[in-house]
Amino acid sequence: MIGLHNMRTRPGSKHRVKRLGCGESSGHGKTSGKGHKGQKARSGGSLRLGFEGGQMPLIRRLPKRGFNNAAFHKNYAIVNLSDLSSFKEGTVVNEQLLRDSKLIRGNGAGLKILGGGELKHGLMIEADKVSASAREKIEKAGGSVTMREKVVQGPRVADEPSQPAEAAEPETKEGPTSKSKAKTRKPAAKKKAPAKPASKKKSSGKK
């Protein structure tokens, strides 16, 4: 039985510290395993991964072709039927129940049921994906499978409701308000310039 008096660390978890600069006979004297001069021999001198001294690195020299689906890959939490045999008959098994039971951990795209093992009694299972063999075994044991509805992401809808039309201003006994008068008032007609008097023609005859 393990107690505080006989607990030991795991083998390989602790290592002896390499003692440097203890003379040539130790094997780690003089340059302490760093060699002679250069960037890697300096204090804090290191090179990032893929650095090739300033020349074009290999990862940039190689051509990139094709399509990679890694960015769209979904990881599901996997549960086999053998893990569900501990629940009582008629239990509704969903993701929340499995998390409370410590059967699944971490963040995933959903829950997937696989057909590993046997199921002896019927369970009501709610999952995102179910393999064909798992569905067959669940229904054979008298259980049921319900697929969870997927949330469809559609176009965004404006949160703010459309503003109602401006209410008509109440009319007083005298008539419409000054604003409505200004709207209904017709523009004043342009004044015509006075006609110029006709110039008298000079008589060409002598008096």
N, C-alpha and C. Protein backbone atom coordinates (compact mmCIF):
# COMPACT_ATOMS: atom_id res chain seq x y z
N MET A 1 0.85 -1.19 0.00
CA MET A 1 0.00 0.00 0.00
C MET A 1 0.89 1.24 0.00
N ILE A 2 0.52 2.20 -0.85
CA ILE A 2 1.33 3.41 -0.98
C ILE A 2 0.93 4.42 0.08
N GLY A 3 1.92 4.95 0.77
CA GLY A 3 1.70 5.99 1.77
C GLY A 3 2.71 7.09 1.59
N LEU A 4 2.61 8.12 2.43
CA LEU A 4 3.55 9.23 2.33
C LEU A 4 4.98 8.80 2.66
N HIS A 5 5.12 7.74 3.44
CA HIS A 5 6.45 7.32 3.86
C HIS A 5 7.17 6.49 2.81
N ASN A 6 6.44 5.93 1.83
CA ASN A 6 7.09 5.08 0.83
C ASN A 6 6.82 5.53 -0.61
N MET A 7 6.36 6.79 -0.79
CA MET A 7 6.11 7.28 -2.14
C MET A 7 7.43 7.57 -2.84
N ARG A 8 7.54 7.22 -4.10
CA ARG A 8 8.72 7.45 -4.90
C ARG A 8 8.32 8.09 -6.22
N THR A 9 9.25 8.84 -6.81
CA THR A 9 8.98 9.42 -8.13
C THR A 9 9.03 8.33 -9.19
N ARG A 10 8.40 8.59 -10.31
CA ARG A 10 8.39 7.61 -11.40
C ARG A 10 9.79 7.48 -11.98
N PRO A 11 10.19 6.28 -12.37
CA PRO A 11 11.53 6.09 -12.94
C PRO A 11 11.68 6.90 -14.24
N GLY A 12 12.77 7.66 -14.33
CA GLY A 12 13.03 8.46 -15.51
C GLY A 12 12.49 9.87 -15.44
N SER A 13 11.70 10.19 -14.40
CA SER A 13 11.14 11.54 -14.30
C SER A 13 12.16 12.54 -13.77
N LYS A 14 13.21 12.06 -13.11
CA LYS A 14 14.26 12.92 -12.59
C LYS A 14 15.59 12.53 -13.21
N HIS A 15 16.39 13.55 -13.54
CA HIS A 15 17.69 13.32 -14.15
C HIS A 15 18.76 14.07 -13.35
N ARG A 16 19.95 13.52 -13.40
CA ARG A 16 21.08 14.17 -12.74
C ARG A 16 21.46 15.41 -13.54
N VAL A 17 21.73 16.51 -12.86
CA VAL A 17 22.08 17.76 -13.51
C VAL A 17 23.48 17.63 -14.11
N LYS A 18 23.62 18.05 -15.39
CA LYS A 18 24.94 18.02 -16.03
C LYS A 18 25.78 19.17 -15.48
N ARG A 19 26.87 18.83 -14.82
CA ARG A 19 27.76 19.84 -14.24
C ARG A 19 28.77 20.25 -15.29
N LEU A 20 28.84 21.55 -15.58
CA LEU A 20 29.70 22.06 -16.63
C LEU A 20 30.87 22.84 -16.04
N GLY A 21 31.97 22.90 -16.83
CA GLY A 21 33.14 23.70 -16.42
C GLY A 21 33.89 23.14 -15.24
N CYS A 22 33.91 21.84 -15.08
CA CYS A 22 34.61 21.23 -13.95
C CYS A 22 35.92 20.56 -14.39
N GLY A 23 36.56 21.13 -15.41
CA GLY A 23 37.84 20.58 -15.84
C GLY A 23 37.68 19.66 -17.04
N GLU A 24 38.81 19.46 -17.75
CA GLU A 24 38.78 18.64 -18.95
C GLU A 24 38.48 17.18 -18.65
N SER A 25 38.89 16.71 -17.50
CA SER A 25 38.68 15.30 -17.19
C SER A 25 37.20 14.95 -17.03
N SER A 26 36.35 15.95 -16.75
CA SER A 26 34.91 15.68 -16.59
C SER A 26 34.22 15.46 -17.93
N GLY A 27 34.88 15.91 -19.02
CA GLY A 27 34.25 15.78 -20.33
C GLY A 27 33.41 16.98 -20.69
N HIS A 28 33.17 17.90 -19.76
CA HIS A 28 32.36 19.09 -20.02
C HIS A 28 33.09 20.34 -19.54
N GLY A 29 34.40 20.35 -19.73
CA GLY A 29 35.17 21.51 -19.30
C GLY A 29 35.41 22.46 -20.47
N LYS A 30 36.16 23.52 -20.20
CA LYS A 30 36.55 24.52 -21.18
C LYS A 30 35.33 25.12 -21.87
N THR A 31 34.89 24.61 -23.03
CA THR A 31 33.75 25.19 -23.76
C THR A 31 32.40 24.65 -23.29
N SER A 32 32.41 23.72 -22.33
CA SER A 32 31.17 23.19 -21.73
C SER A 32 30.21 22.60 -22.76
N GLY A 33 30.77 21.96 -23.78
CA GLY A 33 29.93 21.27 -24.75
C GLY A 33 29.38 22.15 -25.85
N LYS A 34 29.78 23.45 -25.90
CA LYS A 34 29.23 24.35 -26.92
C LYS A 34 30.16 24.55 -28.11
N GLY A 35 31.37 24.00 -28.06
CA GLY A 35 32.28 24.16 -29.19
C GLY A 35 32.97 25.50 -29.16
N HIS A 36 33.65 25.82 -30.29
CA HIS A 36 34.45 27.04 -30.37
C HIS A 36 33.68 28.13 -31.09
N LYS A 37 33.42 29.22 -30.44
CA LYS A 37 32.86 30.44 -31.02
C LYS A 37 31.57 30.14 -31.82
N GLY A 38 31.16 31.11 -32.59
CA GLY A 38 29.95 30.96 -33.39
C GLY A 38 28.69 31.38 -32.65
N GLN A 39 27.60 31.49 -33.40
CA GLN A 39 26.35 31.98 -32.82
C GLN A 39 25.80 31.03 -31.77
N LYS A 40 25.91 29.74 -32.00
CA LYS A 40 25.36 28.77 -31.05
C LYS A 40 26.18 28.66 -29.77
N ALA A 41 27.41 29.17 -29.80
CA ALA A 41 28.25 29.13 -28.60
C ALA A 41 28.00 30.32 -27.69
N ARG A 42 27.29 31.33 -28.17
CA ARG A 42 27.07 32.54 -27.37
C ARG A 42 25.92 32.34 -26.38
N SER A 43 25.90 33.21 -25.40
CA SER A 43 24.81 33.16 -24.43
C SER A 43 23.53 33.64 -25.08
N GLY A 44 22.49 32.81 -25.05
CA GLY A 44 21.20 33.16 -25.65
C GLY A 44 21.18 33.00 -27.16
N GLY A 45 22.26 32.48 -27.75
CA GLY A 45 22.29 32.32 -29.21
C GLY A 45 21.56 31.07 -29.64
N SER A 46 20.54 31.24 -30.47
CA SER A 46 19.78 30.09 -30.96
C SER A 46 19.21 30.44 -32.33
N LEU A 47 18.82 29.45 -33.07
CA LEU A 47 18.24 29.62 -34.39
C LEU A 47 16.83 29.08 -34.40
N ARG A 48 15.94 29.79 -35.06
CA ARG A 48 14.56 29.31 -35.13
C ARG A 48 14.46 28.10 -36.05
N LEU A 49 13.39 27.38 -35.93
CA LEU A 49 13.19 26.17 -36.71
C LEU A 49 13.05 26.52 -38.19
N GLY A 50 13.85 25.88 -39.04
CA GLY A 50 13.78 26.11 -40.48
C GLY A 50 14.69 27.21 -40.99
N PHE A 51 15.42 27.88 -40.09
CA PHE A 51 16.31 28.95 -40.53
C PHE A 51 17.56 28.35 -41.16
N GLU A 52 17.96 28.87 -42.32
CA GLU A 52 19.09 28.33 -43.07
C GLU A 52 20.14 29.39 -43.34
N GLY A 53 20.33 30.29 -42.40
CA GLY A 53 21.39 31.27 -42.53
C GLY A 53 21.05 32.45 -43.41
N GLY A 54 19.83 32.63 -43.79
CA GLY A 54 19.44 33.76 -44.62
C GLY A 54 19.06 33.36 -46.03
N GLN A 55 19.47 32.19 -46.49
CA GLN A 55 19.06 31.75 -47.83
C GLN A 55 17.60 31.31 -47.79
N MET A 56 17.03 31.15 -48.98
CA MET A 56 15.62 30.76 -49.07
C MET A 56 15.43 29.40 -48.43
N PRO A 57 14.63 29.29 -47.38
CA PRO A 57 14.48 28.00 -46.69
C PRO A 57 13.73 26.98 -47.55
N LEU A 58 13.90 25.73 -47.17
CA LEU A 58 13.32 24.64 -47.96
C LEU A 58 11.80 24.71 -48.02
N ILE A 59 11.17 25.11 -46.91
CA ILE A 59 9.71 25.15 -46.89
C ILE A 59 9.15 26.17 -47.87
N ARG A 60 9.95 27.19 -48.20
CA ARG A 60 9.53 28.20 -49.17
C ARG A 60 9.98 27.85 -50.58
N ARG A 61 11.00 27.00 -50.71
CA ARG A 61 11.45 26.60 -52.04
C ARG A 61 10.53 25.56 -52.68
N LEU A 62 9.89 24.75 -51.86
CA LEU A 62 9.02 23.69 -52.39
C LEU A 62 7.69 24.27 -52.85
N PRO A 63 7.15 23.80 -53.98
CA PRO A 63 5.86 24.31 -54.45
C PRO A 63 4.71 23.78 -53.60
N LYS A 64 3.66 24.58 -53.53
CA LYS A 64 2.45 24.18 -52.79
C LYS A 64 1.32 23.98 -53.79
N ARG A 65 0.83 22.77 -53.86
CA ARG A 65 -0.25 22.47 -54.80
C ARG A 65 -1.33 21.67 -54.07
N GLY A 66 -2.52 21.72 -54.63
CA GLY A 66 -3.61 20.91 -54.10
C GLY A 66 -4.37 21.61 -53.00
N PHE A 67 -5.30 20.87 -52.41
CA PHE A 67 -6.19 21.41 -51.38
C PHE A 67 -6.03 20.59 -50.11
N ASN A 68 -5.98 21.26 -49.00
CA ASN A 68 -5.84 20.61 -47.70
C ASN A 68 -7.11 20.86 -46.89
N ASN A 69 -7.73 19.80 -46.46
CA ASN A 69 -9.00 19.91 -45.74
C ASN A 69 -8.81 19.94 -44.22
N ALA A 70 -7.57 20.13 -43.77
CA ALA A 70 -7.30 20.08 -42.33
C ALA A 70 -8.01 21.21 -41.59
N ALA A 71 -8.16 22.36 -42.24
CA ALA A 71 -8.79 23.50 -41.56
C ALA A 71 -10.28 23.26 -41.33
N PHE A 72 -10.90 22.37 -42.11
CA PHE A 72 -12.33 22.11 -42.00
C PHE A 72 -12.63 20.77 -41.32
N HIS A 73 -11.58 20.11 -40.83
CA HIS A 73 -11.78 18.81 -40.21
C HIS A 73 -12.45 18.96 -38.85
N LYS A 74 -13.36 18.05 -38.53
CA LYS A 74 -14.09 18.10 -37.26
C LYS A 74 -13.72 16.88 -36.42
N ASN A 75 -13.44 17.11 -35.17
CA ASN A 75 -13.12 16.04 -34.23
C ASN A 75 -14.32 15.80 -33.33
N TYR A 76 -14.80 14.57 -33.31
CA TYR A 76 -15.95 14.20 -32.50
C TYR A 76 -15.48 13.40 -31.27
N ALA A 77 -16.22 13.55 -30.19
CA ALA A 77 -15.97 12.74 -29.00
C ALA A 77 -16.51 11.34 -29.25
N ILE A 78 -15.64 10.33 -29.14
CA ILE A 78 -15.97 8.95 -29.49
C ILE A 78 -16.37 8.17 -28.23
N VAL A 79 -17.51 7.47 -28.34
CA VAL A 79 -17.97 6.61 -27.25
C VAL A 79 -18.44 5.29 -27.86
N ASN A 80 -17.97 4.18 -27.31
CA ASN A 80 -18.39 2.85 -27.77
C ASN A 80 -19.57 2.35 -26.94
N LEU A 81 -20.25 1.35 -27.48
CA LEU A 81 -21.42 0.80 -26.78
C LEU A 81 -21.02 0.11 -25.48
N SER A 82 -19.79 -0.39 -25.42
CA SER A 82 -19.34 -1.03 -24.19
C SER A 82 -19.26 -0.03 -23.03
N ASP A 83 -19.05 1.25 -23.35
CA ASP A 83 -19.00 2.28 -22.30
C ASP A 83 -20.38 2.64 -21.78
N LEU A 84 -21.44 2.33 -22.56
CA LEU A 84 -22.80 2.71 -22.17
C LEU A 84 -23.52 1.62 -21.40
N SER A 85 -22.88 0.48 -21.24
CA SER A 85 -23.56 -0.63 -20.56
C SER A 85 -23.73 -0.37 -19.07
N SER A 86 -23.02 0.62 -18.52
CA SER A 86 -23.13 0.91 -17.09
C SER A 86 -24.39 1.69 -16.74
N PHE A 87 -25.07 2.27 -17.75
CA PHE A 87 -26.29 3.03 -17.48
C PHE A 87 -27.49 2.08 -17.36
N LYS A 88 -28.48 2.51 -16.57
CA LYS A 88 -29.67 1.69 -16.37
C LYS A 88 -30.55 1.71 -17.61
N GLU A 89 -31.43 0.74 -17.68
CA GLU A 89 -32.31 0.61 -18.85
C GLU A 89 -33.28 1.80 -18.91
N GLY A 90 -33.45 2.34 -20.12
CA GLY A 90 -34.34 3.46 -20.34
C GLY A 90 -33.72 4.83 -20.08
N THR A 91 -32.43 4.87 -19.76
CA THR A 91 -31.77 6.14 -19.48
C THR A 91 -31.57 6.93 -20.78
N VAL A 92 -31.78 8.24 -20.70
CA VAL A 92 -31.54 9.11 -21.84
C VAL A 92 -30.06 9.50 -21.80
N VAL A 93 -29.32 8.99 -22.76
CA VAL A 93 -27.87 9.22 -22.80
C VAL A 93 -27.59 10.34 -23.79
N ASN A 94 -27.06 11.44 -23.30
CA ASN A 94 -26.69 12.56 -24.16
C ASN A 94 -25.28 13.02 -23.79
N GLU A 95 -24.83 14.08 -24.44
CA GLU A 95 -23.46 14.54 -24.22
C GLU A 95 -23.25 15.05 -22.81
N GLN A 96 -24.24 15.72 -22.24
CA GLN A 96 -24.11 16.26 -20.89
C GLN A 96 -23.96 15.14 -19.86
N LEU A 97 -24.73 14.07 -20.03
CA LEU A 97 -24.65 12.93 -19.10
C LEU A 97 -23.29 12.25 -19.20
N LEU A 98 -22.78 12.13 -20.41
CA LEU A 98 -21.47 11.49 -20.59
C LEU A 98 -20.35 12.34 -20.01
N ARG A 99 -20.49 13.67 -20.08
CA ARG A 99 -19.48 14.53 -19.47
C ARG A 99 -19.52 14.45 -17.95
N ASP A 100 -20.73 14.38 -17.41
CA ASP A 100 -20.85 14.25 -15.95
C ASP A 100 -20.29 12.92 -15.47
N SER A 101 -20.37 11.89 -16.33
CA SER A 101 -19.86 10.57 -15.98
C SER A 101 -18.38 10.41 -16.30
N LYS A 102 -17.73 11.49 -16.80
CA LYS A 102 -16.30 11.49 -17.13
C LYS A 102 -15.96 10.51 -18.26
N LEU A 103 -16.93 10.24 -19.13
CA LEU A 103 -16.66 9.37 -20.27
C LEU A 103 -16.10 10.14 -21.46
N ILE A 104 -16.40 11.41 -21.55
CA ILE A 104 -15.82 12.26 -22.60
C ILE A 104 -15.30 13.53 -21.94
N ARG A 105 -14.24 14.07 -22.53
CA ARG A 105 -13.62 15.29 -22.01
C ARG A 105 -13.23 16.18 -23.18
N GLY A 106 -12.91 17.41 -22.87
CA GLY A 106 -12.41 18.32 -23.88
C GLY A 106 -13.53 18.89 -24.74
N ASN A 107 -13.11 19.69 -25.72
CA ASN A 107 -14.04 20.32 -26.64
C ASN A 107 -14.00 19.60 -27.98
N GLY A 108 -15.16 19.32 -28.52
CA GLY A 108 -15.26 18.65 -29.81
C GLY A 108 -16.43 19.19 -30.60
N ALA A 109 -16.54 18.70 -31.83
CA ALA A 109 -17.63 19.14 -32.70
C ALA A 109 -18.95 18.47 -32.36
N GLY A 110 -18.90 17.42 -31.53
CA GLY A 110 -20.14 16.73 -31.17
C GLY A 110 -19.83 15.35 -30.63
N LEU A 111 -20.85 14.51 -30.59
CA LEU A 111 -20.75 13.16 -30.02
C LEU A 111 -21.01 12.13 -31.10
N LYS A 112 -20.14 11.12 -31.14
CA LYS A 112 -20.30 10.04 -32.11
C LYS A 112 -20.29 8.70 -31.37
N ILE A 113 -21.25 7.83 -31.68
CA ILE A 113 -21.39 6.52 -31.05
C ILE A 113 -20.87 5.47 -32.02
N LEU A 114 -19.93 4.65 -31.55
CA LEU A 114 -19.41 3.54 -32.35
C LEU A 114 -19.90 2.21 -31.79
N GLY A 115 -19.82 1.17 -32.62
CA GLY A 115 -20.42 -0.13 -32.27
C GLY A 115 -19.49 -1.08 -31.57
N GLY A 116 -18.47 -0.60 -30.88
CA GLY A 116 -17.58 -1.49 -30.15
C GLY A 116 -18.23 -2.05 -28.90
N GLY A 117 -18.24 -3.37 -28.73
CA GLY A 117 -18.86 -4.01 -27.57
C GLY A 117 -20.32 -4.35 -27.83
N GLU A 118 -20.99 -4.76 -26.77
CA GLU A 118 -22.40 -5.17 -26.86
C GLU A 118 -23.23 -4.35 -25.88
N LEU A 119 -24.50 -4.17 -26.24
CA LEU A 119 -25.44 -3.45 -25.39
C LEU A 119 -26.55 -4.43 -25.01
N LYS A 120 -26.74 -4.65 -23.69
CA LYS A 120 -27.66 -5.68 -23.22
C LYS A 120 -29.06 -5.15 -22.96
N HIS A 121 -29.22 -3.84 -22.78
CA HIS A 121 -30.55 -3.29 -22.50
C HIS A 121 -30.74 -2.02 -23.31
N GLY A 122 -32.00 -1.60 -23.43
CA GLY A 122 -32.34 -0.47 -24.28
C GLY A 122 -32.01 0.87 -23.64
N LEU A 123 -31.47 1.76 -24.44
CA LEU A 123 -31.16 3.11 -24.00
C LEU A 123 -31.65 4.10 -25.06
N MET A 124 -32.00 5.28 -24.60
CA MET A 124 -32.42 6.36 -25.51
C MET A 124 -31.21 7.28 -25.70
N ILE A 125 -30.62 7.19 -26.87
CA ILE A 125 -29.34 7.85 -27.12
C ILE A 125 -29.57 9.06 -28.02
N GLU A 126 -28.96 10.19 -27.62
CA GLU A 126 -28.98 11.41 -28.43
C GLU A 126 -27.55 11.74 -28.80
N ALA A 127 -27.27 11.75 -30.10
CA ALA A 127 -25.91 11.97 -30.57
C ALA A 127 -25.92 12.72 -31.89
N ASP A 128 -24.73 13.17 -32.30
CA ASP A 128 -24.59 13.87 -33.58
C ASP A 128 -24.35 12.89 -34.72
N LYS A 129 -23.62 11.80 -34.42
CA LYS A 129 -23.33 10.79 -35.44
C LYS A 129 -23.37 9.42 -34.79
N VAL A 130 -23.85 8.44 -35.55
CA VAL A 130 -23.93 7.06 -35.07
C VAL A 130 -23.52 6.15 -36.22
N SER A 131 -22.63 5.20 -35.94
CA SER A 131 -22.23 4.26 -36.99
C SER A 131 -23.36 3.27 -37.25
N ALA A 132 -23.31 2.63 -38.41
CA ALA A 132 -24.38 1.71 -38.81
C ALA A 132 -24.45 0.51 -37.87
N SER A 133 -23.29 -0.02 -37.46
CA SER A 133 -23.28 -1.17 -36.55
C SER A 133 -23.82 -0.79 -35.17
N ALA A 134 -23.50 0.43 -34.70
CA ALA A 134 -23.99 0.87 -33.39
C ALA A 134 -25.50 1.05 -33.43
N ARG A 135 -26.03 1.62 -34.50
CA ARG A 135 -27.48 1.81 -34.61
C ARG A 135 -28.20 0.46 -34.61
N GLU A 136 -27.63 -0.49 -35.31
CA GLU A 136 -28.26 -1.82 -35.39
C GLU A 136 -28.31 -2.48 -34.01
N LYS A 137 -27.20 -2.39 -33.26
CA LYS A 137 -27.15 -3.02 -31.94
C LYS A 137 -28.07 -2.31 -30.95
N ILE A 138 -28.16 -0.99 -31.04
CA ILE A 138 -29.02 -0.24 -30.11
C ILE A 138 -30.49 -0.59 -30.35
N GLU A 139 -30.91 -0.63 -31.60
CA GLU A 139 -32.30 -0.96 -31.92
C GLU A 139 -32.62 -2.42 -31.62
N LYS A 140 -31.62 -3.28 -31.77
CA LYS A 140 -31.84 -4.69 -31.45
C LYS A 140 -32.03 -4.90 -29.96
N ALA A 141 -31.37 -4.08 -29.13
CA ALA A 141 -31.52 -4.18 -27.68
C ALA A 141 -32.77 -3.49 -27.17
N GLY A 142 -33.54 -2.86 -28.06
CA GLY A 142 -34.78 -2.19 -27.65
C GLY A 142 -34.64 -0.72 -27.38
N GLY A 143 -33.52 -0.14 -27.79
CA GLY A 143 -33.31 1.28 -27.57
C GLY A 143 -33.66 2.10 -28.81
N SER A 144 -33.35 3.37 -28.76
CA SER A 144 -33.64 4.28 -29.87
C SER A 144 -32.50 5.27 -30.01
N VAL A 145 -32.37 5.81 -31.23
CA VAL A 145 -31.32 6.78 -31.54
C VAL A 145 -31.98 8.04 -32.06
N THR A 146 -31.64 9.17 -31.47
CA THR A 146 -32.15 10.47 -31.90
C THR A 146 -30.97 11.34 -32.30
N MET A 147 -31.01 11.84 -33.52
CA MET A 147 -29.94 12.71 -34.00
C MET A 147 -30.21 14.14 -33.57
N ARG A 148 -29.20 14.78 -33.05
CA ARG A 148 -29.35 16.16 -32.61
C ARG A 148 -29.43 17.09 -33.82
N GLU A 149 -30.25 18.12 -33.67
CA GLU A 149 -30.43 19.07 -34.77
C GLU A 149 -29.19 19.94 -34.91
N LYS A 150 -28.77 20.11 -36.15
CA LYS A 150 -27.61 20.95 -36.43
C LYS A 150 -28.04 22.40 -36.54
N VAL A 151 -27.23 23.28 -35.97
CA VAL A 151 -27.51 24.71 -36.03
C VAL A 151 -27.06 25.23 -37.39
N VAL A 152 -28.01 25.71 -38.18
CA VAL A 152 -27.70 26.22 -39.50
C VAL A 152 -27.38 27.70 -39.37
N GLN A 153 -26.21 28.07 -39.84
CA GLN A 153 -25.78 29.46 -39.78
C GLN A 153 -26.18 30.16 -41.07
N GLY A 154 -27.19 31.00 -40.98
CA GLY A 154 -27.67 31.72 -42.13
C GLY A 154 -27.18 33.15 -42.14
N PRO A 155 -27.70 33.95 -43.03
CA PRO A 155 -27.29 35.36 -43.06
C PRO A 155 -27.74 36.08 -41.81
N ARG A 156 -26.98 37.07 -41.42
CA ARG A 156 -27.30 37.80 -40.20
C ARG A 156 -28.55 38.64 -40.40
N VAL A 157 -29.36 38.69 -39.35
CA VAL A 157 -30.59 39.49 -39.38
C VAL A 157 -30.36 40.71 -38.51
N ALA A 158 -30.81 41.86 -38.99
CA ALA A 158 -30.63 43.10 -38.23
C ALA A 158 -31.34 43.00 -36.90
N ASP A 159 -30.60 43.28 -35.83
CA ASP A 159 -31.19 43.21 -34.49
C ASP A 159 -32.17 44.34 -34.24
N GLU A 160 -31.85 45.51 -34.76
CA GLU A 160 -32.70 46.66 -34.50
C GLU A 160 -33.92 46.63 -35.42
N PRO A 161 -35.14 46.78 -34.86
CA PRO A 161 -36.33 46.80 -35.72
C PRO A 161 -36.37 48.06 -36.56
N SER A 162 -37.04 47.95 -37.67
CA SER A 162 -37.13 49.11 -38.57
C SER A 162 -37.90 50.23 -37.88
N GLN A 163 -37.41 51.45 -38.03
CA GLN A 163 -38.02 52.58 -37.36
C GLN A 163 -39.37 52.91 -37.99
N PRO A 164 -40.43 53.12 -37.17
CA PRO A 164 -41.74 53.45 -37.73
C PRO A 164 -41.75 54.81 -38.39
N ALA A 165 -42.66 54.98 -39.29
CA ALA A 165 -42.76 56.26 -40.00
C ALA A 165 -43.10 57.37 -39.02
N GLU A 166 -42.61 58.55 -39.30
CA GLU A 166 -42.84 59.67 -38.40
C GLU A 166 -44.33 59.99 -38.31
N ALA A 167 -44.77 60.16 -37.07
CA ALA A 167 -46.20 60.45 -36.87
C ALA A 167 -46.54 61.82 -37.44
N ALA A 168 -47.74 61.91 -38.03
CA ALA A 168 -48.17 63.19 -38.62
C ALA A 168 -48.39 64.21 -37.53
N GLU A 169 -47.97 65.41 -37.79
CA GLU A 169 -48.10 66.46 -36.79
C GLU A 169 -49.57 66.90 -36.67
N PRO A 170 -50.05 67.07 -35.43
CA PRO A 170 -51.46 67.45 -35.26
C PRO A 170 -51.72 68.86 -35.76
N GLU A 171 -52.89 69.05 -36.36
CA GLU A 171 -53.26 70.36 -36.88
C GLU A 171 -54.02 71.14 -35.81
N THR A 172 -53.73 72.42 -35.69
CA THR A 172 -54.43 73.26 -34.74
C THR A 172 -55.71 73.80 -35.38
N LYS A 173 -56.46 74.56 -34.57
CA LYS A 173 -57.71 75.11 -35.10
C LYS A 173 -57.44 76.10 -36.22
N GLU A 174 -56.33 76.82 -36.08
CA GLU A 174 -56.04 77.82 -37.10
C GLU A 174 -55.66 77.18 -38.42
N GLY A 175 -55.15 75.98 -38.35
CA GLY A 175 -54.75 75.31 -39.59
C GLY A 175 -53.48 74.52 -39.34
N PRO A 176 -52.85 74.11 -40.40
CA PRO A 176 -51.62 73.33 -40.23
C PRO A 176 -50.52 74.16 -39.60
N THR A 177 -49.56 73.49 -39.03
CA THR A 177 -48.47 74.18 -38.36
C THR A 177 -47.58 74.89 -39.36
N SER A 178 -46.64 75.67 -38.80
CA SER A 178 -45.77 76.47 -39.67
C SER A 178 -44.91 75.57 -40.55
N LYS A 179 -44.52 74.38 -40.01
CA LYS A 179 -43.71 73.47 -40.81
C LYS A 179 -44.48 72.95 -42.00
N SER A 180 -45.74 72.54 -41.73
CA SER A 180 -46.54 72.04 -42.84
C SER A 180 -46.84 73.15 -43.84
N LYS A 181 -46.98 74.42 -43.33
CA LYS A 181 -47.20 75.54 -44.24
C LYS A 181 -45.99 75.73 -45.14
N ALA A 182 -44.83 75.59 -44.51
CA ALA A 182 -43.63 75.77 -45.31
C ALA A 182 -43.52 74.71 -46.38
N LYS A 183 -44.04 73.49 -46.07
CA LYS A 183 -43.98 72.43 -47.07
C LYS A 183 -44.97 72.67 -48.19
N THR A 184 -46.19 73.16 -47.82
CA THR A 184 -47.23 73.32 -48.84
C THR A 184 -47.12 74.65 -49.57
N ARG A 185 -46.34 75.61 -49.07
CA ARG A 185 -46.24 76.92 -49.71
C ARG A 185 -45.58 76.78 -51.08
N LYS A 186 -46.20 77.40 -52.07
CA LYS A 186 -45.68 77.35 -53.43
C LYS A 186 -44.54 78.37 -53.56
N PRO A 187 -43.58 78.03 -54.35
CA PRO A 187 -42.48 78.99 -54.54
C PRO A 187 -42.98 80.25 -55.24
N ALA A 188 -42.45 81.39 -54.80
CA ALA A 188 -42.88 82.66 -55.39
C ALA A 188 -42.43 82.76 -56.84
N ALA A 189 -43.35 83.31 -57.67
CA ALA A 189 -43.03 83.44 -59.09
C ALA A 189 -41.97 84.51 -59.28
N LYS A 190 -41.10 84.29 -60.20
CA LYS A 190 -40.03 85.24 -60.46
C LYS A 190 -40.61 86.51 -61.11
N LYS A 191 -40.14 87.65 -60.62
CA LYS A 191 -40.61 88.92 -61.18
C LYS A 191 -39.99 89.15 -62.55
N LYS A 192 -40.85 89.56 -63.46
CA LYS A 192 -40.37 89.82 -64.81
C LYS A 192 -39.73 91.20 -64.86
N ALA A 193 -38.68 91.28 -65.56
CA ALA A 193 -37.99 92.57 -65.71
C ALA A 193 -38.85 93.50 -66.56
N PRO A 194 -38.92 94.85 -66.22
CA PRO A 194 -39.76 95.77 -67.02
C PRO A 194 -39.25 95.88 -68.45
N ALA A 195 -40.23 95.96 -69.37
CA ALA A 195 -39.87 96.01 -70.79
C ALA A 195 -39.19 97.33 -71.11
N LYS A 196 -38.17 97.29 -71.89
CA LYS A 196 -37.44 98.50 -72.28
C LYS A 196 -38.26 99.29 -73.30
N PRO A 197 -38.33 100.65 -73.16
CA PRO A 197 -39.09 101.44 -74.16
C PRO A 197 -38.42 101.38 -75.53
N ALA A 198 -39.25 101.34 -76.55
CA ALA A 198 -38.72 101.25 -77.92
C ALA A 198 -38.01 102.55 -78.27
N SER A 199 -36.83 102.44 -78.80
CA SER A 199 -36.01 103.62 -79.18
C SER A 199 -36.62 104.30 -80.41
N LYS A 200 -36.65 105.68 -80.40
CA LYS A 200 -37.22 106.43 -81.52
C LYS A 200 -36.23 106.44 -82.68
N LYS A 201 -36.78 106.21 -83.85
CA LYS A 201 -35.94 106.24 -85.04
C LYS A 201 -35.67 107.68 -85.45
N LYS A 202 -34.42 107.96 -85.73
CA LYS A 202 -34.04 109.31 -86.17
C LYS A 202 -34.44 109.51 -87.64
N SER A 203 -35.07 110.67 -87.90
CA SER A 203 -35.47 110.97 -89.31
C SER A 203 -34.27 111.35 -90.09
N SER A 204 -34.14 110.80 -91.22
CA SER A 204 -32.99 111.07 -92.08
C SER A 204 -33.17 112.37 -92.89
N GLY A 205 -34.40 112.98 -93.01
CA GLY A 205 -34.64 114.20 -93.80
C GLY A 205 -34.14 115.46 -93.11
N LYS A 206 -33.74 116.49 -93.89
CA LYS A 206 -33.28 117.77 -93.32
C LYS A 206 -34.46 118.64 -93.03
N LYS A 207 -34.38 119.46 -92.00
CA LYS A 207 -35.45 120.40 -91.64
C LYS A 207 -35.31 121.65 -92.45
